[in-house]
Amino acid sequence: VSMFEELPFFNVNNDELLRVLNSSDGYTNINLNNTNQNTNVDENLFDYIKEIGNADSFELSHCNNLSIEDFNVRFENMKASTDLSIIHLNIRSLNSKVEEFQIFVKLFELDIDVFILSEIWSTNIEFYNDILENYNLFTDLPLNSKVGGVGIFVNKNLKVSVCSNLSITSSNECKVENIWLKISKQSSTYIIGGLYRHPNMSVKIFSEKFTAVLSDIRKNYKKLPCLIFGDLNIDLLQFKTNNITSEY
């Protein structure tokens, strides 16, 4: 990853940058990672998901770009909340970004309960169990590559157990790393999943395995809310043109 990719507006084309600079409200309502065309497709996808699922589940599923300062102001009232707070990042090698990640965590005024990292890679992971003083680290590393992997940092104040029975088995046709945890915060208990599916693998096989896990969760943990995070490398914008993506 080049240094330039870490700079603001790296992924913005000239037209988008001009709109941002000329906008009275900055970039709050502008998607910096998509062109106008993709934004329209995103809205169509959102409507499609609402049609095939429970519309009530998507009432709060809106995206905003927030700075750390904005985040701290917006969620300052949650400091004493009993709700579970989770942040997911695709970190693309924890080994190369460990200091930046530690700084990132310290910037939050809210004590985040769970940090889920996809693509932690396997380099020197054994040295990073204690980089966050108040967290325990759970990992699932790639078997035949240093690339990929999932890591979950869980606050030590929470009760946590590993649900190994839910784990998706990785294969040559479906390389995937995943961690499933049962986490309790005060009187509430959750099932948390963190996944990374390698690109250029069979979406069909992954979907079948993923569906089986969801069925197990519904059967064995039906009273618990389930929250799933990760990078699955499936282009949902193909939902109209690719039957396998649409089925997923």
Protein backbone atom coordinates (compact mmCIF):
# COMPACT_ATOMS: atom_id res chain seq x y z
CA VAL A 1 0.00 0.00 0.00
CA SER A 2 1.50 3.32 -1.05
CA MET A 3 1.71 6.30 1.28
CA PHE A 4 -0.60 8.27 -1.02
CA GLU A 5 -3.46 5.83 -0.41
CA GLU A 6 -3.55 6.99 3.21
CA LEU A 7 -4.20 10.62 2.20
CA PRO A 8 -7.67 12.20 2.25
CA PHE A 9 -9.48 12.23 -1.11
CA PHE A 10 -7.13 9.65 -2.64
CA ASN A 11 -10.06 7.75 -4.18
CA VAL A 12 -11.95 10.84 -5.32
CA ASN A 13 -11.93 11.89 -8.97
CA ASN A 14 -11.62 15.54 -10.04
CA ASP A 15 -15.36 16.17 -10.38
CA GLU A 16 -16.09 14.73 -6.94
CA LEU A 17 -13.28 16.74 -5.36
CA LEU A 18 -14.67 19.96 -6.83
CA ARG A 19 -18.11 19.12 -5.46
CA VAL A 20 -16.64 18.53 -2.02
CA LEU A 21 -14.66 21.76 -2.02
CA ASN A 22 -17.65 23.77 -3.20
CA SER A 23 -20.13 22.12 -0.87
CA SER A 24 -21.38 24.20 2.05
CA ASP A 25 -21.59 21.16 4.30
CA GLY A 26 -18.27 19.58 3.37
CA TYR A 27 -18.42 15.89 2.56
CA THR A 28 -21.03 14.78 5.09
CA ASN A 29 -23.60 13.90 2.45
CA ILE A 30 -21.22 12.86 -0.32
CA ASN A 31 -20.01 9.32 -0.85
CA LEU A 32 -16.31 9.77 -1.55
CA ASN A 33 -15.78 6.23 -2.76
CA ASN A 34 -18.43 6.13 -5.49
CA THR A 35 -19.37 8.07 -8.57
CA ASN A 36 -22.92 9.36 -9.02
CA GLN A 37 -23.70 6.33 -11.15
CA ASN A 38 -22.66 3.91 -8.42
CA THR A 39 -24.58 5.90 -5.83
CA ASN A 40 -27.78 5.39 -7.85
CA VAL A 41 -27.05 1.67 -8.09
CA ASP A 42 -26.45 1.59 -4.34
CA GLU A 43 -29.93 3.02 -3.78
CA ASN A 44 -31.41 0.36 -6.06
CA LEU A 45 -29.55 -2.32 -4.12
CA PHE A 46 -30.81 -0.92 -0.84
CA ASP A 47 -34.40 -1.03 -2.11
CA TYR A 48 -33.87 -4.59 -3.38
CA ILE A 49 -32.60 -5.77 0.01
CA LYS A 50 -35.60 -4.20 1.72
CA GLU A 51 -37.92 -6.00 -0.69
CA ILE A 52 -36.51 -9.47 -0.01
CA GLY A 53 -36.06 -8.99 3.73
CA ASN A 54 -37.76 -7.37 6.66
CA ALA A 55 -37.97 -3.67 5.86
CA ASP A 56 -38.05 -2.74 9.55
CA SER A 57 -34.52 -4.12 9.92
CA PHE A 58 -33.14 -1.47 7.59
CA GLU A 59 -34.67 1.65 9.06
CA LEU A 60 -31.38 2.67 10.71
CA SER A 61 -29.03 1.35 8.04
CA HIS A 62 -27.80 4.68 6.72
CA CYS A 63 -24.19 5.59 6.00
CA ASN A 64 -22.36 8.74 7.08
CA ASN A 65 -18.75 9.84 6.92
CA LEU A 66 -17.67 10.84 10.43
CA SER A 67 -14.37 12.08 11.76
CA ILE A 68 -13.24 10.73 15.13
CA GLU A 69 -14.22 14.07 16.66
CA ASP A 70 -17.71 13.86 15.14
CA PHE A 71 -18.03 10.26 16.32
CA ASN A 72 -17.10 11.19 19.90
CA VAL A 73 -19.66 14.00 19.96
CA ARG A 74 -22.42 11.92 18.38
CA PHE A 75 -22.01 8.98 20.74
CA GLU A 76 -20.90 10.70 23.94
CA ASN A 77 -24.15 9.71 25.65
CA MET A 78 -23.36 6.03 25.11
CA LYS A 79 -20.46 5.98 27.58
CA ALA A 80 -22.64 4.32 30.22
CA SER A 81 -24.76 2.38 27.75
CA THR A 82 -25.50 -1.31 28.14
CA ASP A 83 -25.55 -1.68 24.35
CA LEU A 84 -22.66 -3.49 22.70
CA SER A 85 -20.33 -1.25 20.66
CA ILE A 86 -18.43 -2.80 17.75
CA ILE A 87 -16.07 -1.41 15.10
CA HIS A 88 -14.90 -3.36 12.06
CA LEU A 89 -11.78 -2.51 10.03
CA ASN A 90 -10.09 -4.10 7.06
CA ILE A 91 -6.55 -3.44 8.27
CA ARG A 92 -4.50 -5.18 5.54
CA SER A 93 -1.70 -6.41 7.84
CA LEU A 94 -1.80 -5.68 11.55
CA ASN A 95 1.97 -6.13 11.58
CA SER A 96 2.50 -3.09 9.34
CA LYS A 97 -0.10 -0.90 11.06
CA VAL A 98 0.05 -1.88 14.70
CA GLU A 99 1.11 1.58 15.94
CA GLU A 100 -1.53 3.35 13.84
CA PHE A 101 -4.16 0.94 15.15
CA GLN A 102 -3.19 1.60 18.77
CA ILE A 103 -3.44 5.36 18.18
CA PHE A 104 -6.79 4.88 16.44
CA VAL A 105 -8.20 3.01 19.45
CA LYS A 106 -7.01 5.68 21.90
CA LEU A 107 -8.75 8.43 19.94
CA PHE A 108 -12.18 7.11 20.95
CA GLU A 109 -13.64 8.64 24.09
CA LEU A 110 -16.16 5.81 24.17
CA ASP A 111 -14.79 2.48 25.37
CA ILE A 112 -15.45 0.32 22.33
CA ASP A 113 -16.38 -3.21 23.41
CA VAL A 114 -15.20 -5.09 20.32
CA PHE A 115 -12.77 -4.37 17.48
CA ILE A 116 -13.05 -6.77 14.52
CA LEU A 117 -10.14 -6.75 12.08
CA SER A 118 -10.25 -8.47 8.71
CA GLU A 119 -7.09 -9.16 6.69
CA ILE A 120 -4.86 -9.09 9.74
CA TRP A 121 -2.42 -11.32 7.83
CA SER A 122 -0.31 -13.84 9.72
CA THR A 123 3.01 -11.98 10.02
CA ASN A 124 4.19 -11.77 13.66
CA ILE A 125 0.62 -12.10 14.98
CA GLU A 126 1.89 -14.01 18.01
CA PHE A 127 3.49 -10.77 19.25
CA TYR A 128 0.29 -8.73 19.19
CA ASN A 129 -1.90 -10.44 21.79
CA ASP A 130 -1.24 -7.67 24.32
CA ILE A 131 -1.13 -4.51 22.19
CA LEU A 132 -4.44 -3.36 23.71
CA GLU A 133 -4.14 -3.51 27.48
CA ASN A 134 -7.82 -4.03 28.26
CA TYR A 135 -8.62 -6.48 25.44
CA ASN A 136 -8.22 -10.16 24.66
CA LEU A 137 -7.40 -11.14 21.08
CA PHE A 138 -9.03 -14.03 19.18
CA THR A 139 -7.65 -14.96 15.76
CA ASP A 140 -8.27 -17.23 12.80
CA LEU A 141 -5.25 -17.15 10.47
CA PRO A 142 -4.89 -18.31 6.84
CA LEU A 143 -3.46 -21.80 6.50
CA ASN A 144 -1.35 -21.58 3.36
CA SER A 145 -0.78 -17.86 2.96
CA LYS A 146 0.19 -14.86 5.01
CA VAL A 147 -2.67 -12.85 3.45
CA GLY A 148 -6.16 -12.83 4.95
CA GLY A 149 -7.20 -13.77 8.46
CA VAL A 150 -9.51 -12.34 11.10
CA GLY A 151 -8.77 -10.95 14.55
CA ILE A 152 -11.25 -9.87 17.23
CA PHE A 153 -10.26 -7.77 20.24
CA VAL A 154 -12.82 -8.12 23.05
CA ASN A 155 -12.89 -5.94 26.16
CA LYS A 156 -11.78 -7.95 29.20
CA ASN A 157 -14.83 -6.76 31.15
CA LEU A 158 -17.09 -8.82 28.92
CA LYS A 159 -17.89 -12.49 29.25
CA VAL A 160 -16.91 -14.27 26.03
CA SER A 161 -16.81 -17.82 24.70
CA VAL A 162 -15.82 -19.19 21.30
CA CYS A 163 -18.57 -20.86 19.25
CA SER A 164 -16.30 -23.25 17.38
CA ASN A 165 -19.35 -25.23 16.20
CA LEU A 166 -20.26 -22.33 13.89
CA SER A 167 -16.89 -22.08 12.16
CA ILE A 168 -16.88 -22.31 8.36
CA THR A 169 -14.19 -24.71 7.15
CA SER A 170 -11.77 -23.20 4.64
CA SER A 171 -11.01 -25.11 1.42
CA ASN A 172 -9.19 -24.62 -1.88
CA GLU A 173 -12.50 -23.66 -3.52
CA CYS A 174 -13.63 -21.48 -0.61
CA LYS A 175 -10.82 -19.88 1.36
CA VAL A 176 -12.29 -18.17 4.37
CA GLU A 177 -11.27 -17.26 7.90
CA ASN A 178 -13.95 -16.69 10.51
CA ILE A 179 -14.50 -16.33 14.24
CA TRP A 180 -17.81 -16.73 16.07
CA LEU A 181 -18.13 -15.54 19.66
CA LYS A 182 -20.87 -15.46 22.28
CA ILE A 183 -20.43 -12.20 24.16
CA SER A 184 -22.34 -11.07 27.24
CA LYS A 185 -22.54 -7.46 28.44
CA GLN A 186 -24.45 -7.12 31.67
CA SER A 187 -27.84 -8.75 31.04
CA SER A 188 -27.55 -8.96 27.23
CA THR A 189 -25.90 -11.74 25.20
CA TYR A 190 -24.97 -11.64 21.51
CA ILE A 191 -23.54 -13.88 18.81
CA ILE A 192 -20.76 -12.02 16.98
CA GLY A 193 -19.24 -13.17 13.70
CA GLY A 194 -16.08 -11.86 12.04
CA LEU A 195 -15.30 -13.13 8.52
CA TYR A 196 -12.86 -12.71 5.66
CA ARG A 197 -13.58 -14.47 2.37
CA HIS A 198 -10.66 -14.52 -0.06
CA PRO A 199 -11.35 -13.05 -3.53
CA ASN A 200 -11.67 -15.19 -6.67
CA MET A 201 -13.20 -18.04 -4.70
CA SER A 202 -16.54 -19.72 -5.35
CA VAL A 203 -19.34 -17.45 -4.14
CA LYS A 204 -21.80 -20.34 -4.52
CA ILE A 205 -19.87 -22.65 -2.18
CA PHE A 206 -19.38 -19.85 0.34
CA SER A 207 -23.08 -18.99 0.26
CA GLU A 208 -24.01 -22.61 0.93
CA LYS A 209 -21.63 -22.82 3.90
CA PHE A 210 -22.69 -19.42 5.21
CA THR A 211 -26.37 -20.35 4.96
CA ALA A 212 -25.72 -23.51 6.96
CA VAL A 213 -24.12 -21.43 9.72
CA LEU A 214 -27.06 -19.03 9.78
CA SER A 215 -29.40 -22.00 10.07
CA ASP A 216 -27.40 -23.32 13.03
CA ILE A 217 -27.55 -19.91 14.70
CA ARG A 218 -31.30 -19.72 14.21
CA LYS A 219 -31.74 -23.23 15.60
CA ASN A 220 -29.32 -23.17 18.53
CA TYR A 221 -29.15 -19.46 19.46
CA LYS A 222 -32.58 -18.29 18.31
CA LYS A 223 -33.15 -16.00 21.28
CA LEU A 224 -29.85 -14.15 20.81
CA PRO A 225 -29.26 -11.24 18.43
CA CYS A 226 -26.57 -12.05 15.86
CA LEU A 227 -24.23 -9.40 14.43
CA ILE A 228 -21.92 -10.29 11.53
CA PHE A 229 -19.00 -8.21 10.28
CA GLY A 230 -16.30 -8.73 7.70
CA ASP A 231 -14.96 -8.36 4.20
CA LEU A 232 -16.57 -10.97 1.95
CA ASN A 233 -15.28 -9.71 -1.44
CA ILE A 234 -18.66 -10.11 -3.11
CA ASP A 235 -19.71 -7.30 -5.47
CA LEU A 236 -23.33 -6.73 -4.46
CA LEU A 237 -23.76 -4.24 -7.30
CA GLN A 238 -24.03 -7.29 -9.57
CA PHE A 239 -27.28 -8.34 -7.90
CA LYS A 240 -29.24 -7.73 -11.13
CA THR A 241 -26.81 -9.40 -13.52
CA ASN A 242 -25.32 -12.30 -11.55
CA ASN A 243 -27.69 -14.98 -10.26
CA ILE A 244 -25.19 -16.33 -7.73
CA THR A 245 -24.70 -12.85 -6.26
CA SER A 246 -28.45 -12.32 -6.18
CA GLU A 247 -28.96 -15.64 -4.36
CA TYR A 248 -26.28 -14.71 -1.84
